[in-house]
Amino acid sequence: MSKKSTPAVEVRPSIDSSQVAFTLPQASTYSGLSVWQLRTMVWGGQLTARKAGRNLIVLRGDLDAALVALPRVTLSDAGWFKQRQVRA
């Protein structure tokens, strides 16, 4: 008898609406970015984080500001979309 493997289920950390600080997994859930994207933003100086023991903590205001500062996507950035519109 062979064992059936169960599919991996991603468990997202919960976020309280009154929370003012997030761990990176919580910040990932809040922002929609991966933990590694957030780490890269911290290391690159685009996102301010604080150290709490071994954990990085991000304040909600700092995360919101970093998200607003991300570059906007324009039609000129999406050449594939422009070509698709021309064909349609």
N, C-alpha and C. Protein backbone atom coordinates (compact mmCIF):
# COMPACT_ATOMS: atom_id res chain seq x y z
N MET A 1 0.84 -1.18 0.00
CA MET A 1 0.00 0.00 0.00
C MET A 1 0.89 1.24 0.00
N SER A 2 0.66 2.12 -0.96
CA SER A 2 1.48 3.33 -1.05
C SER A 2 0.79 4.49 -0.35
N LYS A 3 1.61 5.33 0.22
CA LYS A 3 1.08 6.52 0.90
C LYS A 3 0.78 7.60 -0.12
N LYS A 4 -0.34 8.24 0.00
CA LYS A 4 -0.65 9.37 -0.86
C LYS A 4 -0.09 10.62 -0.21
N SER A 5 0.56 11.42 -1.02
CA SER A 5 1.11 12.66 -0.47
C SER A 5 0.03 13.73 -0.48
N THR A 6 0.02 14.49 0.57
CA THR A 6 -0.94 15.60 0.65
C THR A 6 -0.29 16.85 0.09
N PRO A 7 -1.04 17.67 -0.61
CA PRO A 7 -0.45 18.89 -1.17
C PRO A 7 -0.02 19.84 -0.05
N ALA A 8 1.05 20.56 -0.32
CA ALA A 8 1.53 21.55 0.66
C ALA A 8 0.53 22.69 0.76
N VAL A 9 0.24 23.08 1.97
CA VAL A 9 -0.68 24.19 2.21
C VAL A 9 0.11 25.33 2.81
N GLU A 10 -0.01 26.49 2.19
CA GLU A 10 0.69 27.66 2.69
C GLU A 10 -0.12 28.28 3.82
N VAL A 11 0.49 28.42 4.97
CA VAL A 11 -0.17 29.04 6.12
C VAL A 11 0.30 30.48 6.21
N ARG A 12 -0.62 31.41 6.08
CA ARG A 12 -0.29 32.83 6.14
C ARG A 12 -0.54 33.32 7.56
N PRO A 13 0.38 34.10 8.11
CA PRO A 13 0.16 34.62 9.46
C PRO A 13 -1.01 35.61 9.48
N SER A 14 -1.71 35.63 10.59
CA SER A 14 -2.84 36.56 10.69
C SER A 14 -2.35 37.95 11.06
N ILE A 15 -3.14 38.93 10.66
CA ILE A 15 -2.80 40.33 10.93
C ILE A 15 -3.99 40.98 11.61
N ASP A 16 -3.73 41.63 12.71
CA ASP A 16 -4.75 42.38 13.43
C ASP A 16 -4.78 43.80 12.85
N SER A 17 -5.96 44.32 12.60
CA SER A 17 -6.08 45.64 11.97
C SER A 17 -5.48 46.76 12.81
N SER A 18 -5.31 46.54 14.11
CA SER A 18 -4.75 47.58 14.97
C SER A 18 -3.23 47.43 15.14
N GLN A 19 -2.63 46.44 14.49
CA GLN A 19 -1.21 46.18 14.62
C GLN A 19 -0.40 47.33 14.04
N VAL A 20 0.62 47.77 14.75
CA VAL A 20 1.47 48.86 14.26
C VAL A 20 2.82 48.36 13.76
N ALA A 21 3.16 47.11 14.07
CA ALA A 21 4.43 46.53 13.63
C ALA A 21 4.20 45.10 13.17
N PHE A 22 5.02 44.68 12.18
CA PHE A 22 4.89 43.35 11.61
C PHE A 22 6.22 42.62 11.63
N THR A 23 6.17 41.31 11.79
CA THR A 23 7.33 40.49 11.46
C THR A 23 7.38 40.43 9.94
N LEU A 24 8.46 39.93 9.37
CA LEU A 24 8.53 39.89 7.91
C LEU A 24 7.45 38.98 7.30
N PRO A 25 7.15 37.81 7.88
CA PRO A 25 6.04 37.03 7.30
C PRO A 25 4.70 37.78 7.37
N GLN A 26 4.45 38.50 8.44
CA GLN A 26 3.21 39.29 8.53
C GLN A 26 3.23 40.43 7.52
N ALA A 27 4.39 41.09 7.37
CA ALA A 27 4.52 42.18 6.40
C ALA A 27 4.32 41.65 4.99
N SER A 28 4.74 40.42 4.74
CA SER A 28 4.55 39.79 3.45
C SER A 28 3.06 39.59 3.17
N THR A 29 2.33 39.11 4.15
CA THR A 29 0.88 38.93 4.00
C THR A 29 0.20 40.27 3.78
N TYR A 30 0.58 41.28 4.53
CA TYR A 30 -0.02 42.61 4.44
C TYR A 30 0.24 43.25 3.07
N SER A 31 1.46 43.12 2.58
CA SER A 31 1.86 43.84 1.36
C SER A 31 1.66 43.05 0.07
N GLY A 32 1.63 41.74 0.17
CA GLY A 32 1.56 40.92 -1.03
C GLY A 32 2.92 40.64 -1.64
N LEU A 33 3.98 41.12 -1.02
CA LEU A 33 5.34 40.86 -1.47
C LEU A 33 5.88 39.65 -0.72
N SER A 34 6.87 39.00 -1.30
CA SER A 34 7.47 37.86 -0.61
C SER A 34 8.38 38.34 0.51
N VAL A 35 8.68 37.44 1.43
CA VAL A 35 9.59 37.77 2.53
C VAL A 35 10.95 38.17 1.96
N TRP A 36 11.41 37.48 0.91
CA TRP A 36 12.71 37.81 0.33
C TRP A 36 12.69 39.15 -0.38
N GLN A 37 11.58 39.51 -1.00
CA GLN A 37 11.50 40.85 -1.60
C GLN A 37 11.60 41.91 -0.51
N LEU A 38 10.95 41.67 0.62
CA LEU A 38 11.02 42.62 1.74
C LEU A 38 12.43 42.69 2.30
N ARG A 39 13.08 41.54 2.47
CA ARG A 39 14.47 41.53 2.96
C ARG A 39 15.37 42.33 2.02
N THR A 40 15.18 42.14 0.72
CA THR A 40 15.98 42.86 -0.27
C THR A 40 15.74 44.36 -0.16
N MET A 41 14.50 44.75 0.08
CA MET A 41 14.20 46.17 0.26
C MET A 41 14.87 46.72 1.51
N VAL A 42 14.90 45.93 2.59
CA VAL A 42 15.58 46.36 3.83
C VAL A 42 17.06 46.50 3.56
N TRP A 43 17.67 45.49 2.96
CA TRP A 43 19.12 45.52 2.69
C TRP A 43 19.48 46.64 1.73
N GLY A 44 18.57 46.98 0.82
CA GLY A 44 18.83 48.04 -0.16
C GLY A 44 18.49 49.43 0.34
N GLY A 45 17.99 49.54 1.57
CA GLY A 45 17.68 50.84 2.14
C GLY A 45 16.33 51.40 1.72
N GLN A 46 15.50 50.61 1.03
CA GLN A 46 14.18 51.09 0.60
C GLN A 46 13.12 50.93 1.68
N LEU A 47 13.41 50.11 2.68
CA LEU A 47 12.46 49.83 3.75
C LEU A 47 13.21 49.82 5.07
N THR A 48 12.71 50.58 6.03
CA THR A 48 13.33 50.64 7.35
C THR A 48 12.79 49.50 8.20
N ALA A 49 13.69 48.77 8.85
CA ALA A 49 13.30 47.68 9.74
C ALA A 49 14.05 47.85 11.05
N ARG A 50 13.52 47.25 12.08
CA ARG A 50 14.15 47.25 13.39
C ARG A 50 14.46 45.83 13.79
N LYS A 51 15.47 45.66 14.62
CA LYS A 51 15.90 44.35 15.07
C LYS A 51 15.28 44.08 16.43
N ALA A 52 14.61 42.95 16.58
CA ALA A 52 14.09 42.50 17.86
C ALA A 52 14.62 41.09 18.08
N GLY A 53 15.75 41.00 18.76
CA GLY A 53 16.42 39.70 18.89
C GLY A 53 16.92 39.28 17.52
N ARG A 54 16.46 38.13 17.05
CA ARG A 54 16.86 37.64 15.73
C ARG A 54 15.88 38.06 14.63
N ASN A 55 14.78 38.68 15.03
CA ASN A 55 13.72 39.03 14.08
C ASN A 55 13.86 40.46 13.57
N LEU A 56 13.42 40.66 12.34
CA LEU A 56 13.29 42.00 11.79
C LEU A 56 11.83 42.41 11.94
N ILE A 57 11.61 43.62 12.43
CA ILE A 57 10.27 44.16 12.63
C ILE A 57 10.13 45.38 11.73
N VAL A 58 8.99 45.46 11.06
CA VAL A 58 8.72 46.58 10.17
C VAL A 58 7.48 47.31 10.69
N LEU A 59 7.58 48.62 10.86
CA LEU A 59 6.43 49.40 11.27
C LEU A 59 5.47 49.57 10.09
N ARG A 60 4.17 49.54 10.37
CA ARG A 60 3.16 49.65 9.32
C ARG A 60 3.37 50.92 8.49
N GLY A 61 3.65 52.03 9.15
CA GLY A 61 3.86 53.30 8.44
C GLY A 61 5.05 53.24 7.50
N ASP A 62 6.15 52.60 7.95
CA ASP A 62 7.34 52.45 7.10
C ASP A 62 7.03 51.57 5.90
N LEU A 63 6.26 50.50 6.12
CA LEU A 63 5.91 49.60 5.02
C LEU A 63 4.99 50.31 4.02
N ASP A 64 4.00 51.03 4.53
CA ASP A 64 3.10 51.78 3.65
C ASP A 64 3.89 52.79 2.81
N ALA A 65 4.82 53.49 3.44
CA ALA A 65 5.62 54.50 2.73
C ALA A 65 6.48 53.83 1.65
N ALA A 66 7.07 52.68 1.97
CA ALA A 66 7.91 51.98 0.99
C ALA A 66 7.07 51.48 -0.19
N LEU A 67 5.84 51.03 0.09
CA LEU A 67 4.97 50.57 -1.00
C LEU A 67 4.56 51.72 -1.90
N VAL A 68 4.26 52.87 -1.31
CA VAL A 68 3.87 54.04 -2.10
C VAL A 68 5.05 54.52 -2.94
N ALA A 69 6.28 54.35 -2.44
CA ALA A 69 7.47 54.82 -3.15
C ALA A 69 7.89 53.90 -4.30
N LEU A 70 7.30 52.71 -4.39
CA LEU A 70 7.64 51.81 -5.50
C LEU A 70 7.25 52.47 -6.82
N PRO A 71 8.01 52.21 -7.87
CA PRO A 71 7.69 52.85 -9.16
C PRO A 71 6.35 52.38 -9.71
N ARG A 72 5.64 53.30 -10.32
CA ARG A 72 4.37 52.97 -10.96
C ARG A 72 4.63 52.29 -12.29
N VAL A 73 3.74 51.41 -12.67
CA VAL A 73 3.84 50.75 -13.97
C VAL A 73 3.02 51.58 -14.95
N THR A 74 3.63 51.93 -16.06
CA THR A 74 2.93 52.68 -17.10
C THR A 74 2.80 51.80 -18.33
N LEU A 75 1.99 52.22 -19.25
CA LEU A 75 1.79 51.46 -20.47
C LEU A 75 3.10 51.28 -21.22
N SER A 76 3.97 52.27 -21.17
CA SER A 76 5.26 52.15 -21.87
C SER A 76 6.13 51.07 -21.24
N ASP A 77 5.92 50.75 -19.94
CA ASP A 77 6.67 49.69 -19.28
C ASP A 77 6.18 48.31 -19.72
N ALA A 78 4.95 48.25 -20.17
CA ALA A 78 4.33 46.97 -20.54
C ALA A 78 4.22 46.88 -22.06
N GLY A 79 5.35 46.71 -22.74
CA GLY A 79 5.37 46.63 -24.19
C GLY A 79 4.51 45.50 -24.72
N TRP A 80 4.49 44.39 -23.99
CA TRP A 80 3.68 43.26 -24.43
C TRP A 80 2.19 43.62 -24.46
N PHE A 81 1.77 44.46 -23.50
CA PHE A 81 0.36 44.84 -23.44
C PHE A 81 0.01 45.79 -24.58
N LYS A 82 0.94 46.69 -24.88
CA LYS A 82 0.72 47.63 -25.99
C LYS A 82 0.59 46.87 -27.30
N GLN A 83 1.46 45.88 -27.52
CA GLN A 83 1.39 45.07 -28.74
C GLN A 83 0.08 44.29 -28.80
N ARG A 84 -0.39 43.81 -27.68
CA ARG A 84 -1.64 43.06 -27.64
C ARG A 84 -2.82 43.98 -28.01
N GLN A 85 -2.79 45.22 -27.54
CA GLN A 85 -3.86 46.16 -27.86
C GLN A 85 -3.88 46.49 -29.35
N VAL A 86 -2.71 46.58 -29.96
CA VAL A 86 -2.63 46.90 -31.38
C VAL A 86 -3.23 45.75 -32.20
N ARG A 87 -2.97 44.50 -31.79
CA ARG A 87 -3.49 43.34 -32.50
C ARG A 87 -4.99 43.19 -32.36
N ALA A 88 -5.55 43.64 -31.26
CA ALA A 88 -6.98 43.43 -30.98
C ALA A 88 -7.88 44.31 -31.79
